[in-house]
Protein backbone atom coordinates (compact mmCIF):
# COMPACT_ATOMS: atom_id res chain seq x y z
CA MET A 1 -7.75 17.97 58.77
CA ALA A 2 -9.91 18.91 55.60
CA LYS A 3 -7.35 19.06 52.91
CA LYS A 4 -8.16 23.27 52.44
CA LYS A 5 -9.97 23.83 49.61
CA PRO A 6 -8.17 26.33 46.71
CA LEU A 7 -8.97 29.78 46.14
CA VAL A 8 -10.27 30.10 42.49
CA VAL A 9 -11.43 33.07 40.76
CA VAL A 10 -13.64 33.44 37.42
CA THR A 11 -13.83 36.51 35.72
CA ARG A 12 -16.83 35.41 33.98
CA LYS A 13 -20.45 33.91 35.06
CA LEU A 14 -20.38 30.54 33.42
CA PRO A 15 -23.27 27.41 33.08
CA ASP A 16 -24.86 26.67 36.63
CA VAL A 17 -22.86 23.16 36.33
CA VAL A 18 -19.56 24.03 35.88
CA GLU A 19 -20.29 26.95 39.00
CA THR A 20 -22.24 24.11 40.72
CA ARG A 21 -19.44 21.41 40.38
CA MET A 22 -16.30 24.20 41.08
CA CYS A 23 -18.01 25.41 44.03
CA GLU A 24 -17.98 22.27 45.25
CA LEU A 25 -15.39 21.35 44.55
CA PHE A 26 -12.79 24.60 45.55
CA ASP A 27 -12.76 27.64 47.70
CA THR A 28 -15.45 29.56 44.11
CA ARG A 29 -15.66 32.81 43.73
CA LEU A 30 -18.19 34.07 41.19
CA ASN A 31 -18.15 36.75 38.55
CA ILE A 32 -22.90 36.40 39.29
CA ASP A 33 -23.62 39.53 37.32
CA ASP A 34 -20.84 38.41 33.96
CA ARG A 35 -19.77 41.87 34.56
CA PRO A 36 -16.29 42.44 32.91
CA MET A 37 -13.91 42.25 35.28
CA SER A 38 -11.39 45.68 35.10
CA ALA A 39 -7.96 44.65 34.69
CA ALA A 40 -7.40 46.74 38.85
CA GLU A 41 -10.86 44.41 39.17
CA ILE A 42 -8.21 40.88 38.44
CA ILE A 43 -4.96 42.31 39.93
CA GLU A 44 -6.59 42.31 43.07
CA ALA A 45 -8.69 39.42 43.35
CA VAL A 46 -5.24 37.01 42.76
CA LYS A 47 -3.55 38.71 45.19
CA ASN A 48 -5.15 36.22 46.88
CA ALA A 49 -6.26 33.71 44.43
CA ASP A 50 -4.50 30.41 44.01
CA VAL A 51 -6.20 29.89 40.62
CA LEU A 52 -7.37 32.50 37.88
CA VAL A 53 -10.00 31.16 35.35
CA PRO A 54 -10.41 33.83 33.04
CA THR A 55 -12.08 34.19 30.06
CA VAL A 56 -10.48 35.05 26.26
CA THR A 57 -12.02 38.67 26.65
CA ASP A 58 -9.60 39.25 29.68
CA ARG A 59 -6.00 40.59 28.89
CA ILE A 60 -3.75 37.94 31.58
CA ASP A 61 -0.51 40.68 30.38
CA ALA A 62 3.07 41.09 32.18
CA ALA A 63 1.87 43.35 34.69
CA LEU A 64 -0.96 41.55 35.69
CA ILE A 65 0.83 38.35 36.44
CA ALA A 66 3.51 40.06 38.16
CA ALA A 67 1.32 41.27 41.28
CA ALA A 68 -0.42 38.14 41.81
CA GLY A 69 0.37 37.18 45.17
CA ASP A 70 2.27 34.27 45.73
CA LYS A 71 0.10 31.69 45.76
CA MET A 72 -1.11 31.99 42.30
CA LYS A 73 0.43 29.40 39.82
CA LEU A 74 -2.36 27.94 38.05
CA ILE A 75 -3.85 29.72 34.95
CA ALA A 76 -6.90 28.17 33.43
CA ASN A 77 -8.09 29.24 30.53
CA PHE A 78 -12.11 29.04 29.83
CA GLY A 79 -10.98 29.12 26.11
CA ASN A 80 -8.85 27.32 23.56
CA GLY A 81 -6.74 30.21 22.45
CA VAL A 82 -4.06 31.36 24.93
CA ASP A 83 -3.62 35.08 22.95
CA ASN A 84 -4.90 37.01 25.59
CA ILE A 85 -2.69 35.04 27.99
CA ASP A 86 0.96 36.76 28.22
CA VAL A 87 2.54 33.02 28.61
CA LEU A 88 5.93 33.24 28.82
CA ALA A 89 5.07 35.82 31.15
CA ALA A 90 3.78 33.40 33.90
CA TYR A 91 6.56 30.80 33.09
CA GLU A 92 8.57 33.16 33.60
CA ARG A 93 7.09 33.74 37.29
CA GLY A 94 6.32 29.96 38.08
CA MET A 95 3.20 29.77 36.86
CA THR A 96 1.25 27.08 35.04
CA VAL A 97 -1.29 27.87 31.95
CA THR A 98 -3.74 25.08 29.88
CA ASN A 99 -6.77 26.15 27.55
CA THR A 100 -9.70 23.99 26.94
CA PRO A 101 -9.20 22.91 23.44
CA GLY A 102 -10.75 20.49 20.96
CA VAL A 103 -14.03 20.93 22.44
CA LEU A 104 -15.31 23.61 19.82
CA THR A 105 -14.54 22.14 17.30
CA GLU A 106 -17.44 20.96 15.88
CA ASP A 107 -19.31 23.62 16.79
CA THR A 108 -16.76 26.28 14.66
CA ALA A 109 -17.35 24.19 11.99
CA ASP A 110 -20.99 24.86 11.82
CA MET A 111 -20.48 27.94 12.11
CA THR A 112 -17.74 28.38 9.87
CA MET A 113 -19.96 26.46 7.19
CA ALA A 114 -23.46 28.44 8.32
CA LEU A 115 -21.72 31.48 7.28
CA ILE A 116 -20.59 30.35 3.60
CA LEU A 117 -23.92 29.66 2.73
CA ALA A 118 -24.98 32.88 4.67
CA VAL A 119 -23.14 34.90 2.83
CA ALA A 120 -23.09 33.02 -1.05
CA ARG A 121 -26.79 32.64 -1.15
CA ARG A 122 -27.43 36.05 0.74
CA LEU A 123 -29.59 35.03 3.54
CA VAL A 124 -29.00 37.58 5.99
CA GLU A 125 -30.75 39.78 3.64
CA GLY A 126 -33.45 37.40 3.22
CA ALA A 127 -34.74 36.82 6.02
CA GLN A 128 -35.41 40.84 6.69
CA VAL A 129 -37.29 41.40 3.94
CA ILE A 130 -40.83 40.22 5.30
CA PRO A 131 -39.84 41.38 8.71
CA GLY A 132 -39.16 44.57 7.00
CA GLY A 133 -43.20 44.19 4.56
CA GLU A 134 -40.72 44.00 1.13
CA TRP A 135 -42.22 40.81 -0.16
CA GLY A 136 -43.65 41.47 -3.38
CA GLY A 137 -43.65 37.61 -4.32
CA TRP A 138 -41.04 35.80 -5.88
CA SER A 139 -39.24 36.46 -9.09
CA PRO A 140 -36.92 35.00 -11.02
CA THR A 141 -34.81 37.00 -11.31
CA TRP A 142 -34.54 38.33 -7.25
CA MET A 143 -32.25 37.72 -4.70
CA LEU A 144 -29.64 35.49 -7.13
CA GLY A 145 -27.21 34.18 -4.22
CA ARG A 146 -24.30 32.48 -5.43
CA ARG A 147 -24.15 27.67 -6.32
CA ILE A 148 -21.79 26.72 -4.00
CA THR A 149 -21.50 23.10 -5.05
CA GLY A 150 -18.78 22.35 -7.02
CA LYS A 151 -16.45 25.86 -6.22
CA ARG A 152 -12.95 25.69 -4.60
CA LEU A 153 -13.08 26.07 -1.33
CA GLY A 154 -9.30 26.69 0.01
CA ILE A 155 -9.11 26.33 3.91
CA VAL A 156 -6.11 28.88 6.41
CA GLY A 157 -5.33 26.81 8.60
CA MET A 158 -5.34 22.89 8.84
CA GLY A 159 -6.28 21.55 12.30
CA ARG A 160 -9.17 20.66 13.73
CA ILE A 161 -11.01 22.94 12.95
CA GLY A 162 -10.14 23.38 9.08
CA GLN A 163 -10.14 19.51 8.88
CA ALA A 164 -14.16 19.73 10.70
CA VAL A 165 -14.37 22.57 7.95
CA ALA A 166 -13.78 20.25 5.15
CA ARG A 167 -15.76 17.31 5.98
CA ARG A 168 -18.92 19.60 5.74
CA ALA A 169 -17.43 21.11 3.09
CA LYS A 170 -16.90 18.19 0.62
CA ALA A 171 -20.39 17.20 1.65
CA PHE A 172 -22.07 20.46 0.39
CA GLY A 173 -19.63 19.69 -3.25
CA LEU A 174 -17.05 22.12 -3.11
CA GLN A 175 -13.31 20.81 -4.31
CA ILE A 176 -11.01 21.01 -1.05
CA HIS A 177 -8.02 22.97 -0.80
CA TYR A 178 -5.35 24.53 1.99
CA HIS A 179 -2.92 26.38 3.83
CA ASN A 180 -0.96 25.07 6.63
CA ARG A 181 2.56 25.29 8.44
CA ARG A 182 3.02 22.05 7.90
CA ARG A 183 1.84 19.63 5.49
CA LEU A 184 -0.88 17.21 6.44
CA SER A 185 -0.17 12.82 6.31
CA ALA A 186 -1.17 11.24 2.47
CA THR A 187 -3.79 9.76 4.51
CA VAL A 188 -5.97 12.53 5.43
CA GLU A 189 -5.63 14.12 2.53
CA GLU A 190 -6.84 11.74 0.39
CA GLU A 191 -10.19 11.24 2.88
CA LEU A 192 -10.56 14.54 2.71
CA GLU A 193 -9.99 14.92 -1.21
CA ALA A 194 -7.51 18.04 -0.78
CA THR A 195 -4.86 19.58 -2.58
CA TYR A 196 -2.56 21.65 -0.21
CA TRP A 197 -0.67 24.53 -1.43
CA ASP A 198 2.59 25.33 0.45
CA SER A 199 2.61 29.06 -0.82
CA LEU A 200 -0.82 31.15 0.31
CA ASP A 201 -0.88 34.03 -2.53
CA GLN A 202 -0.81 31.19 -4.69
CA MET A 203 -3.75 29.53 -3.24
CA LEU A 204 -5.17 33.00 -2.01
CA ALA A 205 -5.16 33.23 -6.26
CA ARG A 206 -7.03 30.41 -7.45
CA MET A 207 -10.28 29.96 -4.55
CA ASP A 208 -13.69 30.75 -5.12
CA ILE A 209 -13.75 30.68 -1.17
CA VAL A 210 -11.45 31.42 1.76
CA SER A 211 -12.37 30.24 5.21
CA VAL A 212 -9.71 31.61 7.65
CA ASN A 213 -9.34 28.54 10.21
CA CYS A 214 -6.17 29.13 12.01
CA PRO A 215 -4.87 30.56 15.18
CA HIS A 216 -3.76 34.05 15.64
CA THR A 217 -0.10 33.94 17.43
CA PRO A 218 2.53 36.34 16.43
CA ALA A 219 3.28 34.61 13.22
CA THR A 220 -0.50 34.84 12.05
CA TYR A 221 -1.16 38.39 13.04
CA HIS A 222 -2.01 39.81 10.00
CA LEU A 223 -1.32 36.51 7.77
CA LEU A 224 -3.88 37.92 4.79
CA SER A 225 -2.61 41.04 4.83
CA ALA A 226 -3.39 44.03 2.17
CA ARG A 227 -0.65 42.33 0.21
CA ARG A 228 -2.33 38.35 -0.01
CA LEU A 229 -5.84 39.90 0.22
CA LYS A 230 -5.28 41.53 -3.14
CA TYR A 231 -4.72 37.78 -4.71
CA LEU A 232 -9.12 37.13 -4.06
CA ARG A 233 -11.07 36.95 -7.01
CA PRO A 234 -13.71 39.75 -7.12
CA HIS A 235 -16.13 36.91 -7.42
CA ALA A 236 -14.35 35.24 -4.13
CA ILE A 237 -16.18 35.00 -0.72
CA LEU A 238 -13.77 35.24 3.02
CA VAL A 239 -15.21 33.72 5.75
CA ASN A 240 -13.36 33.62 9.53
CA THR A 241 -14.15 32.70 12.51
CA ALA A 242 -11.09 32.44 14.05
CA ARG A 243 -9.77 35.01 15.55
CA GLY A 244 -9.77 38.68 13.36
CA GLU A 245 -6.05 39.84 14.36
CA VAL A 246 -5.46 37.91 11.01
CA ILE A 247 -6.72 40.16 8.72
CA ASP A 248 -5.71 43.81 7.91
CA GLU A 249 -9.49 44.72 8.60
CA VAL A 250 -8.52 47.89 7.58
CA THR A 251 -8.20 46.35 3.54
CA LEU A 252 -10.98 44.16 3.84
CA THR A 253 -13.13 46.73 4.15
CA LYS A 254 -11.74 48.91 1.87
CA MET A 255 -12.17 46.01 -0.96
CA LEU A 256 -15.67 45.42 0.01
CA ASP A 257 -16.98 49.07 -0.26
CA ALA A 258 -14.80 48.89 -3.68
CA GLY A 259 -16.98 45.04 -4.78
CA GLU A 260 -12.94 43.61 -5.24
CA ILE A 261 -14.79 40.56 -3.55
CA ALA A 262 -17.77 39.58 -3.55
CA GLY A 263 -18.91 39.55 -0.15
CA ALA A 264 -17.30 38.15 3.56
CA GLY A 265 -19.08 36.55 6.96
CA LEU A 266 -17.24 37.67 9.88
CA ASP A 267 -18.11 36.11 13.10
CA VAL A 268 -14.56 38.03 14.79
CA PHE A 269 -13.01 41.03 14.30
CA GLU A 270 -9.73 42.48 14.47
CA HIS A 271 -10.52 44.95 17.54
CA GLU A 272 -13.35 43.08 19.00
CA PRO A 273 -15.34 43.71 20.44
CA ALA A 274 -15.43 47.45 19.05
CA VAL A 275 -16.61 47.55 15.38
CA SER A 276 -15.61 49.33 12.50
CA THR A 277 -18.81 51.78 11.86
CA LYS A 278 -17.02 51.06 8.37
CA LEU A 279 -18.45 47.80 8.09
CA VAL A 280 -21.82 47.93 9.75
CA LYS A 281 -22.68 50.72 6.98
CA LEU A 282 -21.47 47.74 4.56
CA ALA A 283 -23.61 44.81 6.37
CA GLN A 284 -26.99 47.05 6.44
CA ALA A 285 -25.96 47.38 2.39
CA GLY A 286 -25.35 43.48 2.36
CA LYS A 287 -21.74 43.52 1.19
CA VAL A 288 -20.87 41.51 4.50
CA THR A 289 -22.26 39.46 7.12
CA LEU A 290 -20.96 40.27 10.75
CA LEU A 291 -21.67 37.76 13.46
CA PRO A 292 -20.82 38.92 17.06
CA HIS A 293 -18.68 36.15 17.64
CA MET A 294 -20.90 32.95 18.21
CA GLY A 295 -18.26 30.53 16.59
CA SER A 296 -18.41 28.27 19.67
CA ALA A 297 -21.40 29.31 20.70
CA THR A 298 -23.58 26.49 22.28
CA THR A 299 -24.18 25.33 24.96
CA GLU A 300 -22.47 21.80 25.12
CA GLY A 301 -19.51 23.59 24.27
CA ARG A 302 -19.49 25.60 26.87
CA VAL A 303 -20.41 23.23 29.07
CA ASP A 304 -17.38 20.83 27.97
CA MET A 305 -15.64 23.92 28.52
CA GLY A 306 -15.73 23.73 32.16
CA GLU A 307 -15.42 20.49 32.78
CA LYS A 308 -11.63 20.99 31.08
CA VAL A 309 -11.44 23.66 33.27
CA ILE A 310 -12.33 21.15 36.84
CA ILE A 311 -10.02 19.16 35.10
CA ASN A 312 -6.74 21.32 34.50
CA VAL A 313 -7.95 22.80 37.98
CA LYS A 314 -8.17 19.82 39.87
CA ALA A 315 -5.17 17.98 38.26
CA PHE A 316 -2.86 20.60 38.93
CA MET A 317 -4.15 20.82 43.10
CA ASP A 318 -3.38 16.89 43.26
CA GLY A 319 -0.02 17.55 42.40
CA HIS A 320 -0.78 16.00 38.63
CA ARG A 321 0.78 18.21 34.95
CA PRO A 322 -2.65 18.72 34.04
CA PRO A 323 -3.66 17.48 30.56
CA ASP A 324 -3.70 20.67 29.03
CA ARG A 325 -0.52 22.81 30.14
CA VAL A 326 0.12 25.35 27.03
CA LEU A 327 3.64 26.17 27.01
CA PRO A 328 5.65 29.29 26.11
CA SER A 329 6.06 29.07 21.82
CA MET A 330 9.96 29.34 21.71
CA LEU A 331 10.22 25.54 24.18
């Protein structure tokens, strides 16, 4: 007798190739319309599911986990971060949590460099001039931005993505500085020509460009607090392709409005998908570049994420430890 396929509930539309393979391997319930499922809909779905495949915008909290049926033993997150999941609550219910690390490194690093260039060279403003019929021809003093070669880049969080940003930035002639929970090895520092700062405050006060590349955890919530943001120099640029919660967005908005820093490029927001109307107005005035969480949005990246989800589910259902298991931080 053929082994019964596990029931896998997927909360959002995934690339066709990923969904097709999931349907071949599992009894898969897809979200064809790609309409975000409500908490009530997810609770209803997990009553009979063996596996839940949520995305980073689904809030899988303790209440939802408690409502799951006894069959559900795996939460295979379609995403690198797991701050959308109460990992401890899942662990206490005997559920395994997995994620999709490593596959979005290059894409996110590309977007970080794109934002650095966009803000420094006013690319978004420039791209709107010709379609708006406002261009009167070249002028020596019009639309002046800032050169990035020779500037100091401070990277907050020197994991895989931070190091990938450093490699790209080095090629652009930027001087690499970083703050991290743990100092990198001397070999990596030498390769990246990177200067380590134990004090984040001291680093922020000396940088021309700051890139946020650390995950959102309780320890990094508002890591760039109101106090720390004040260390940034008036000509500094701040770029965030990590998580919006890492920065005190209200204070950043006030500083941009007052001209206390030169600009910012944001791909993530503290309360997304809601974006502050004040930030939107600043974007319209050319003081900040805003992107709709596009850092990892490549076809290749999304397919790679899906393949990792499939591997994790298949390994778990075959009785093996999935390769991308996530444990509560205190374990």
